Amino acid sequence: MPFPWDLSLLHQINSVWSHPVLDWLMPALSAIEAWLPLIIAAALITAWRGGKRARIMLLCLGIAIGLGDGVISNTLKKTVGRVRPRDARPDVIIRDLGHGSPAFMRLFQPPVVKPSEPNGATRGKSFPSSHTVNLFAAATVIASFYRGAGILMYLLAAAVAWSRIYCGAHWPSDIPPSMALGMLVGLLVVAVARRTIFREPVKPAV
């Protein structure tokens, strides 16, 4: 069951604080698969031009996202079983990108905006938000190596977290714990890397 303030804040973000531009932008931020070609290209360029430090960062990124998404988020989703807002309530607006193939073509399709159709589910995958865990883990890793880029990544991670509520996929109360989990995973991976690869004392992430 959602907290009372959950329902109020969900209504504000999902229904009241809406705009046609956000109806495309928020689903676009959530559609990580649509950005994969750009992400892969950026990773390859970083590995090629960034030197050893950048390659170690990319290794830490891969480990952090794999651990956060494949182990922690997946385990908690199955254990907690919290139903998503769009599957639990009829007053939630679902927002998504239109269909397209390959996935990046979805970015050029009109957004889909429709009312939710509760399916009577008693279990779901609302907690934690994998998007939020992954992005905050990535931001923490990046900030540990490159402060300026890390700050930008934190801003992007926050926008993606907001988009998950705007699109009706998560309750507001799913987000803060997911942020904390992501940052903890990022800090853990960087701490281990500094002990084993850099062999230097652990320094706090920015």
C-alpha atoms as a PDB file:
ATOM      1  CA  MET A   1       0.000   0.000   0.000  1.00  0.00           C
ATOM      2  CA  PRO A   2       1.311   3.497  -0.818  1.00  0.00           C
ATOM      3  CA  PHE A   3       1.888   6.064   1.895  1.00  0.00           C
ATOM      4  CA  PRO A   4      -0.719   8.902   2.044  1.00  0.00           C
ATOM      5  CA  TRP A   5       1.850  11.439   0.872  1.00  0.00           C
ATOM      6  CA  ASP A   6       2.795   9.041  -1.937  1.00  0.00           C
ATOM      7  CA  LEU A   7      -0.637   9.396  -3.507  1.00  0.00           C
ATOM      8  CA  SER A   8      -0.616  13.180  -3.227  1.00  0.00           C
ATOM      9  CA  LEU A   9       2.872  13.622  -4.679  1.00  0.00           C
ATOM     10  CA  LEU A  10       2.241  11.042  -7.386  1.00  0.00           C
ATOM     11  CA  HIS A  11      -0.859  12.969  -8.449  1.00  0.00           C
ATOM     12  CA  GLN A  12       1.069  16.239  -8.567  1.00  0.00           C
ATOM     13  CA  ILE A  13       3.984  14.880 -10.614  1.00  0.00           C
ATOM     14  CA  ASN A  14       2.020  12.522 -12.831  1.00  0.00           C
ATOM     15  CA  SER A  15      -1.042  14.681 -13.508  1.00  0.00           C
ATOM     16  CA  VAL A  16      -0.791  18.295 -12.341  1.00  0.00           C
ATOM     17  CA  TRP A  17       2.818  19.195 -13.191  1.00  0.00           C
ATOM     18  CA  SER A  18       2.535  17.977 -16.762  1.00  0.00           C
ATOM     19  CA  HIS A  19       3.250  19.571 -20.117  1.00  0.00           C
ATOM     20  CA  PRO A  20       3.239  18.356 -23.752  1.00  0.00           C
ATOM     21  CA  VAL A  21       7.016  18.816 -23.975  1.00  0.00           C
ATOM     22  CA  LEU A  22       7.491  16.728 -20.837  1.00  0.00           C
ATOM     23  CA  ASP A  23       5.188  14.074 -22.299  1.00  0.00           C
ATOM     24  CA  TRP A  24       7.990  13.346 -24.791  1.00  0.00           C
ATOM     25  CA  LEU A  25      11.041  14.294 -22.728  1.00  0.00           C
ATOM     26  CA  MET A  26      10.290  12.201 -19.640  1.00  0.00           C
ATOM     27  CA  PRO A  27       9.619   8.934 -21.536  1.00  0.00           C
ATOM     28  CA  ALA A  28      12.705   9.679 -23.636  1.00  0.00           C
ATOM     29  CA  LEU A  29      14.831   9.900 -20.503  1.00  0.00           C
ATOM     30  CA  SER A  30      13.346   6.632 -19.251  1.00  0.00           C
ATOM     31  CA  ALA A  31      13.963   4.792 -22.530  1.00  0.00           C
ATOM     32  CA  ILE A  32      17.574   3.815 -21.854  1.00  0.00           C
ATOM     33  CA  GLU A  33      17.526   1.249 -24.669  1.00  0.00           C
ATOM     34  CA  ALA A  34      16.865   4.029 -27.188  1.00  0.00           C
ATOM     35  CA  TRP A  35      20.103   5.743 -26.177  1.00  0.00           C
ATOM     36  CA  LEU A  36      22.264   2.585 -26.304  1.00  0.00           C
ATOM     37  CA  PRO A  37      24.025   3.450 -29.600  1.00  0.00           C
ATOM     38  CA  LEU A  38      25.080   6.834 -28.170  1.00  0.00           C
ATOM     39  CA  ILE A  39      26.088   5.264 -24.834  1.00  0.00           C
ATOM     40  CA  ILE A  40      28.185   2.589 -26.545  1.00  0.00           C
ATOM     41  CA  ALA A  41      29.839   5.167 -28.798  1.00  0.00           C
ATOM     42  CA  ALA A  42      30.654   7.388 -25.810  1.00  0.00           C
ATOM     43  CA  ALA A  43      32.121   4.417 -23.908  1.00  0.00           C
ATOM     44  CA  LEU A  44      34.299   3.399 -26.860  1.00  0.00           C
ATOM     45  CA  ILE A  45      35.595   6.943 -27.368  1.00  0.00           C
ATOM     46  CA  THR A  46      36.281   7.277 -23.643  1.00  0.00           C
ATOM     47  CA  ALA A  47      38.179   3.970 -23.583  1.00  0.00           C
ATOM     48  CA  TRP A  48      40.182   5.001 -26.652  1.00  0.00           C
ATOM     49  CA  ARG A  49      41.011   8.594 -25.739  1.00  0.00           C
ATOM     50  CA  GLY A  50      40.813   8.610 -21.951  1.00  0.00           C
ATOM     51  CA  GLY A  51      43.790   6.477 -21.012  1.00  0.00           C
ATOM     52  CA  LYS A  52      44.137   4.014 -18.145  1.00  0.00           C
ATOM     53  CA  ARG A  53      42.120   6.082 -15.683  1.00  0.00           C
ATOM     54  CA  ALA A  54      39.141   6.238 -18.031  1.00  0.00           C
ATOM     55  CA  ARG A  55      39.302   2.512 -18.743  1.00  0.00           C
ATOM     56  CA  ILE A  56      39.335   1.699 -15.042  1.00  0.00           C
ATOM     57  CA  MET A  57      36.345   4.000 -14.613  1.00  0.00           C
ATOM     58  CA  LEU A  58      34.491   2.145 -17.375  1.00  0.00           C
ATOM     59  CA  LEU A  59      35.319  -1.158 -15.690  1.00  0.00           C
ATOM     60  CA  CYS A  60      33.925   0.174 -12.410  1.00  0.00           C
ATOM     61  CA  LEU A  61      30.835   1.416 -14.239  1.00  0.00           C
ATOM     62  CA  GLY A  62      30.181  -1.999 -15.722  1.00  0.00           C
ATOM     63  CA  ILE A  63      30.606  -3.741 -12.375  1.00  0.00           C
ATOM     64  CA  ALA A  64      28.461  -1.196 -10.511  1.00  0.00           C
ATOM     65  CA  ILE A  65      25.589  -1.381 -12.987  1.00  0.00           C
ATOM     66  CA  GLY A  66      25.793  -5.165 -13.176  1.00  0.00           C
ATOM     67  CA  LEU A  67      25.747  -5.443  -9.390  1.00  0.00           C
ATOM     68  CA  GLY A  68      23.058  -2.801  -8.902  1.00  0.00           C
ATOM     69  CA  ASP A  69      20.748  -4.005 -11.649  1.00  0.00           C
ATOM     70  CA  GLY A  70      21.345  -7.724 -11.897  1.00  0.00           C
ATOM     71  CA  VAL A  71      21.777  -8.526  -8.218  1.00  0.00           C
ATOM     72  CA  ILE A  72      20.419  -5.862  -5.861  1.00  0.00           C
ATOM     73  CA  SER A  73      17.476  -4.453  -7.843  1.00  0.00           C
ATOM     74  CA  ASN A  74      16.422  -7.825  -9.218  1.00  0.00           C
ATOM     75  CA  THR A  75      16.532  -9.461  -5.789  1.00  0.00           C
ATOM     76  CA  LEU A  76      14.640  -6.655  -4.054  1.00  0.00           C
ATOM     77  CA  LYS A  77      11.963  -6.486  -6.758  1.00  0.00           C
ATOM     78  CA  LYS A  78      11.244 -10.188  -6.315  1.00  0.00           C
ATOM     79  CA  THR A  79      11.370  -9.964  -2.524  1.00  0.00           C
ATOM     80  CA  VAL A  80       9.314  -6.809  -1.981  1.00  0.00           C
ATOM     81  CA  GLY A  81       6.880  -7.272  -4.865  1.00  0.00           C
ATOM     82  CA  ARG A  82       5.460  -3.760  -4.731  1.00  0.00           C
ATOM     83  CA  VAL A  83       2.873  -3.080  -7.452  1.00  0.00           C
ATOM     84  CA  ARG A  84       3.571  -0.196  -9.827  1.00  0.00           C
ATOM     85  CA  PRO A  85       1.207   2.817  -9.708  1.00  0.00           C
ATOM     86  CA  ARG A  86       0.016   2.211 -13.268  1.00  0.00           C
ATOM     87  CA  ASP A  87      -0.983  -1.350 -12.333  1.00  0.00           C
ATOM     88  CA  ALA A  88      -2.582  -0.400  -9.018  1.00  0.00           C
ATOM     89  CA  ARG A  89      -4.686   2.705  -9.655  1.00  0.00           C
ATOM     90  CA  PRO A  90      -7.075   3.907 -12.383  1.00  0.00           C
ATOM     91  CA  ASP A  91      -6.158   7.583 -11.958  1.00  0.00           C
ATOM     92  CA  VAL A  92      -2.556   7.293 -13.164  1.00  0.00           C
ATOM     93  CA  ILE A  93      -1.478   8.573 -16.572  1.00  0.00           C
ATOM     94  CA  ILE A  94       0.865   6.252 -18.483  1.00  0.00           C
ATOM     95  CA  ARG A  95       3.398   7.932 -20.720  1.00  0.00           C
ATOM     96  CA  ASP A  96       5.751   6.181 -23.118  1.00  0.00           C
ATOM     97  CA  LEU A  97       7.470   6.665 -26.436  1.00  0.00           C
ATOM     98  CA  GLY A  98       5.846   5.393 -29.590  1.00  0.00           C
ATOM     99  CA  HIS A  99       6.903   2.142 -31.199  1.00  0.00           C
ATOM    100  CA  GLY A 100       9.952   2.087 -33.446  1.00  0.00           C
ATOM    101  CA  SER A 101      12.651  -0.265 -34.664  1.00  0.00           C
ATOM    102  CA  PRO A 102      15.545  -0.081 -34.037  1.00  0.00           C
ATOM    103  CA  ALA A 103      14.906   1.246 -30.529  1.00  0.00           C
ATOM    104  CA  PHE A 104      16.477   4.694 -31.084  1.00  0.00           C
ATOM    105  CA  MET A 105      13.794   5.419 -33.699  1.00  0.00           C
ATOM    106  CA  ARG A 106      11.290   5.576 -30.832  1.00  0.00           C
ATOM    107  CA  LEU A 107      12.782   8.972 -29.970  1.00  0.00           C
ATOM    108  CA  PHE A 108      11.298  10.338 -33.183  1.00  0.00           C
ATOM    109  CA  GLN A 109       7.783   9.004 -32.631  1.00  0.00           C
ATOM    110  CA  PRO A 110       4.908  10.929 -30.980  1.00  0.00           C
ATOM    111  CA  PRO A 111       4.611  10.008 -27.301  1.00  0.00           C
ATOM    112  CA  VAL A 112       1.874   7.711 -26.072  1.00  0.00           C
ATOM    113  CA  VAL A 113      -0.259   9.210 -23.285  1.00  0.00           C
ATOM    114  CA  LYS A 114      -3.105   7.117 -21.929  1.00  0.00           C
ATOM    115  CA  PRO A 115      -4.965   6.383 -18.676  1.00  0.00           C
ATOM    116  CA  SER A 116      -3.871   3.401 -16.642  1.00  0.00           C
ATOM    117  CA  GLU A 117      -5.809   0.144 -16.642  1.00  0.00           C
ATOM    118  CA  PRO A 118      -5.247  -1.591 -13.290  1.00  0.00           C
ATOM    119  CA  ASN A 119      -4.742  -5.308 -13.797  1.00  0.00           C
ATOM    120  CA  GLY A 120      -5.509  -6.451 -10.268  1.00  0.00           C
ATOM    121  CA  ALA A 121      -1.901  -7.473  -9.649  1.00  0.00           C
ATOM    122  CA  THR A 122      -0.972  -8.150  -6.041  1.00  0.00           C
ATOM    123  CA  ARG A 123       2.762  -8.203  -6.716  1.00  0.00           C
ATOM    124  CA  GLY A 124       4.945  -6.149  -9.037  1.00  0.00           C
ATOM    125  CA  LYS A 125       8.348  -4.616  -9.641  1.00  0.00           C
ATOM    126  CA  SER A 126       7.990  -1.061  -8.393  1.00  0.00           C
ATOM    127  CA  PHE A 127      10.669  -1.185  -5.687  1.00  0.00           C
ATOM    128  CA  PRO A 128      13.412  -0.352  -6.204  1.00  0.00           C
ATOM    129  CA  SER A 129      13.630   1.688  -9.395  1.00  0.00           C
ATOM    130  CA  SER A 130      16.334  -0.013 -11.445  1.00  0.00           C
ATOM    131  CA  HIS A 131      16.731   3.108 -13.583  1.00  0.00           C
ATOM    132  CA  THR A 132      17.426   5.173 -10.472  1.00  0.00           C
ATOM    133  CA  VAL A 133      19.778   2.623  -8.889  1.00  0.00           C
ATOM    134  CA  ASN A 134      21.771   2.266 -12.119  1.00  0.00           C
ATOM    135  CA  LEU A 135      22.040   5.970 -12.891  1.00  0.00           C
ATOM    136  CA  PHE A 136      23.037   6.988  -9.368  1.00  0.00           C
ATOM    137  CA  ALA A 137      25.577   4.161  -9.202  1.00  0.00           C
ATOM    138  CA  ALA A 138      27.006   5.380 -12.515  1.00  0.00           C
ATOM    139  CA  ALA A 139      27.032   9.010 -11.357  1.00  0.00           C
ATOM    140  CA  THR A 140      28.877   8.070  -8.168  1.00  0.00           C
ATOM    141  CA  VAL A 141      31.515   6.123 -10.088  1.00  0.00           C
ATOM    142  CA  ILE A 142      32.007   8.899 -12.634  1.00  0.00           C
ATOM    143  CA  ALA A 143      32.186  11.576  -9.929  1.00  0.00           C
ATOM    144  CA  SER A 144      34.893   9.572  -8.159  1.00  0.00           C
ATOM    145  CA  PHE A 145      37.107   9.846 -11.241  1.00  0.00           C
ATOM    146  CA  TYR A 146      35.933  13.065 -12.924  1.00  0.00           C
ATOM    147  CA  ARG A 147      34.150  15.516 -10.624  1.00  0.00           C
ATOM    148  CA  GLY A 148      32.633  17.797 -13.257  1.00  0.00           C
ATOM    149  CA  ALA A 149      31.274  14.976 -15.386  1.00  0.00           C
ATOM    150  CA  GLY A 150      29.962  13.325 -12.240  1.00  0.00           C
ATOM    151  CA  ILE A 151      27.929  16.387 -11.275  1.00  0.00           C
ATOM    152  CA  LEU A 152      26.311  16.412 -14.719  1.00  0.00           C
ATOM    153  CA  MET A 153      25.621  12.712 -14.378  1.00  0.00           C
ATOM    154  CA  TYR A 154      23.924  13.260 -11.007  1.00  0.00           C
ATOM    155  CA  LEU A 155      21.654  15.851 -12.621  1.00  0.00           C
ATOM    156  CA  LEU A 156      20.783  13.406 -15.389  1.00  0.00           C
ATOM    157  CA  ALA A 157      20.177  10.641 -12.835  1.00  0.00           C
ATOM    158  CA  ALA A 158      17.808  12.905 -10.892  1.00  0.00           C
ATOM    159  CA  ALA A 159      15.910  13.753 -14.082  1.00  0.00           C
ATOM    160  CA  VAL A 160      15.555  10.066 -14.939  1.00  0.00           C
ATOM    161  CA  ALA A 161      14.327   9.318 -11.412  1.00  0.00           C
ATOM    162  CA  TRP A 162      11.691  12.064 -11.785  1.00  0.00           C
ATOM    163  CA  SER A 163      10.703  10.657 -15.168  1.00  0.00           C
ATOM    164  CA  ARG A 164       9.860   7.292 -13.628  1.00  0.00           C
ATOM    165  CA  ILE A 165       7.207   8.953 -11.452  1.00  0.00           C
ATOM    166  CA  TYR A 166       5.996  11.195 -14.286  1.00  0.00           C
ATOM    167  CA  CYS A 167       5.480   8.136 -16.506  1.00  0.00           C
ATOM    168  CA  GLY A 168       3.525   6.268 -13.828  1.00  0.00           C
ATOM    169  CA  ALA A 169       6.105   3.508 -13.373  1.00  0.00           C
ATOM    170  CA  HIS A 170       7.101   4.225  -9.749  1.00  0.00           C
ATOM    171  CA  TRP A 171       5.781   5.678  -6.518  1.00  0.00           C
ATOM    172  CA  PRO A 172       7.628   8.740  -5.200  1.00  0.00           C
ATOM    173  CA  SER A 173       8.671   6.729  -2.134  1.00  0.00           C
ATOM    174  CA  ASP A 174      10.503   4.262  -4.391  1.00  0.00           C
ATOM    175  CA  ILE A 175      12.992   6.923  -5.429  1.00  0.00           C
ATOM    176  CA  PRO A 176      15.005   8.077  -2.349  1.00  0.00           C
ATOM    177  CA  PRO A 177      15.943   4.508  -1.262  1.00  0.00           C
ATOM    178  CA  SER A 178      16.823   3.684  -4.877  1.00  0.00           C
ATOM    179  CA  MET A 179      19.109   6.730  -5.028  1.00  0.00           C
ATOM    180  CA  ALA A 180      20.810   5.655  -1.804  1.00  0.00           C
ATOM    181  CA  LEU A 181      21.256   2.087  -3.041  1.00  0.00           C
ATOM    182  CA  GLY A 182      22.824   3.320  -6.266  1.00  0.00           C
ATOM    183  CA  MET A 183      25.266   5.615  -4.492  1.00  0.00           C
ATOM    184  CA  LEU A 184      26.240   2.879  -2.025  1.00  0.00           C
ATOM    185  CA  VAL A 185      26.918   0.454  -4.861  1.00  0.00           C
ATOM    186  CA  GLY A 186      29.012   3.054  -6.672  1.00  0.00           C
ATOM    187  CA  LEU A 187      31.015   3.878  -3.546  1.00  0.00           C
ATOM    188  CA  LEU A 188      31.608   0.189  -2.814  1.00  0.00           C
ATOM    189  CA  VAL A 189      32.866  -0.593  -6.298  1.00  0.00           C
ATOM    190  CA  VAL A 190      35.168   2.450  -6.356  1.00  0.00           C
ATOM    191  CA  ALA A 191      36.504   1.622  -2.873  1.00  0.00           C
ATOM    192  CA  VAL A 192      37.382  -1.917  -3.946  1.00  0.00           C
ATOM    193  CA  ALA A 193      38.968  -0.634  -7.163  1.00  0.00           C
ATOM    194  CA  ARG A 194      41.134   1.819  -5.250  1.00  0.00           C
ATOM    195  CA  ARG A 195      42.304  -0.910  -2.896  1.00  0.00           C
ATOM    196  CA  THR A 196      43.032  -3.474  -5.599  1.00  0.00           C
ATOM    197  CA  ILE A 197      43.916  -1.503  -8.739  1.00  0.00           C
ATOM    198  CA  PHE A 198      45.188   1.890  -7.643  1.00  0.00           C
ATOM    199  CA  ARG A 199      46.395   0.520  -4.297  1.00  0.00           C
ATOM    200  CA  GLU A 200      45.812   3.831  -2.597  1.00  0.00           C
ATOM    201  CA  PRO A 201      43.756   4.790   0.476  1.00  0.00           C
ATOM    202  CA  VAL A 202      40.024   5.086  -0.154  1.00  0.00           C
ATOM    203  CA  LYS A 203      38.911   8.679  -0.661  1.00  0.00           C
ATOM    204  CA  PRO A 204      35.298   9.802  -0.364  1.00  0.00           C
ATOM    205  CA  ALA A 205      33.410  10.227  -3.616  1.00  0.00           C
ATOM    206  CA  VAL A 206      32.291  13.698  -4.570  1.00  0.00           C
END
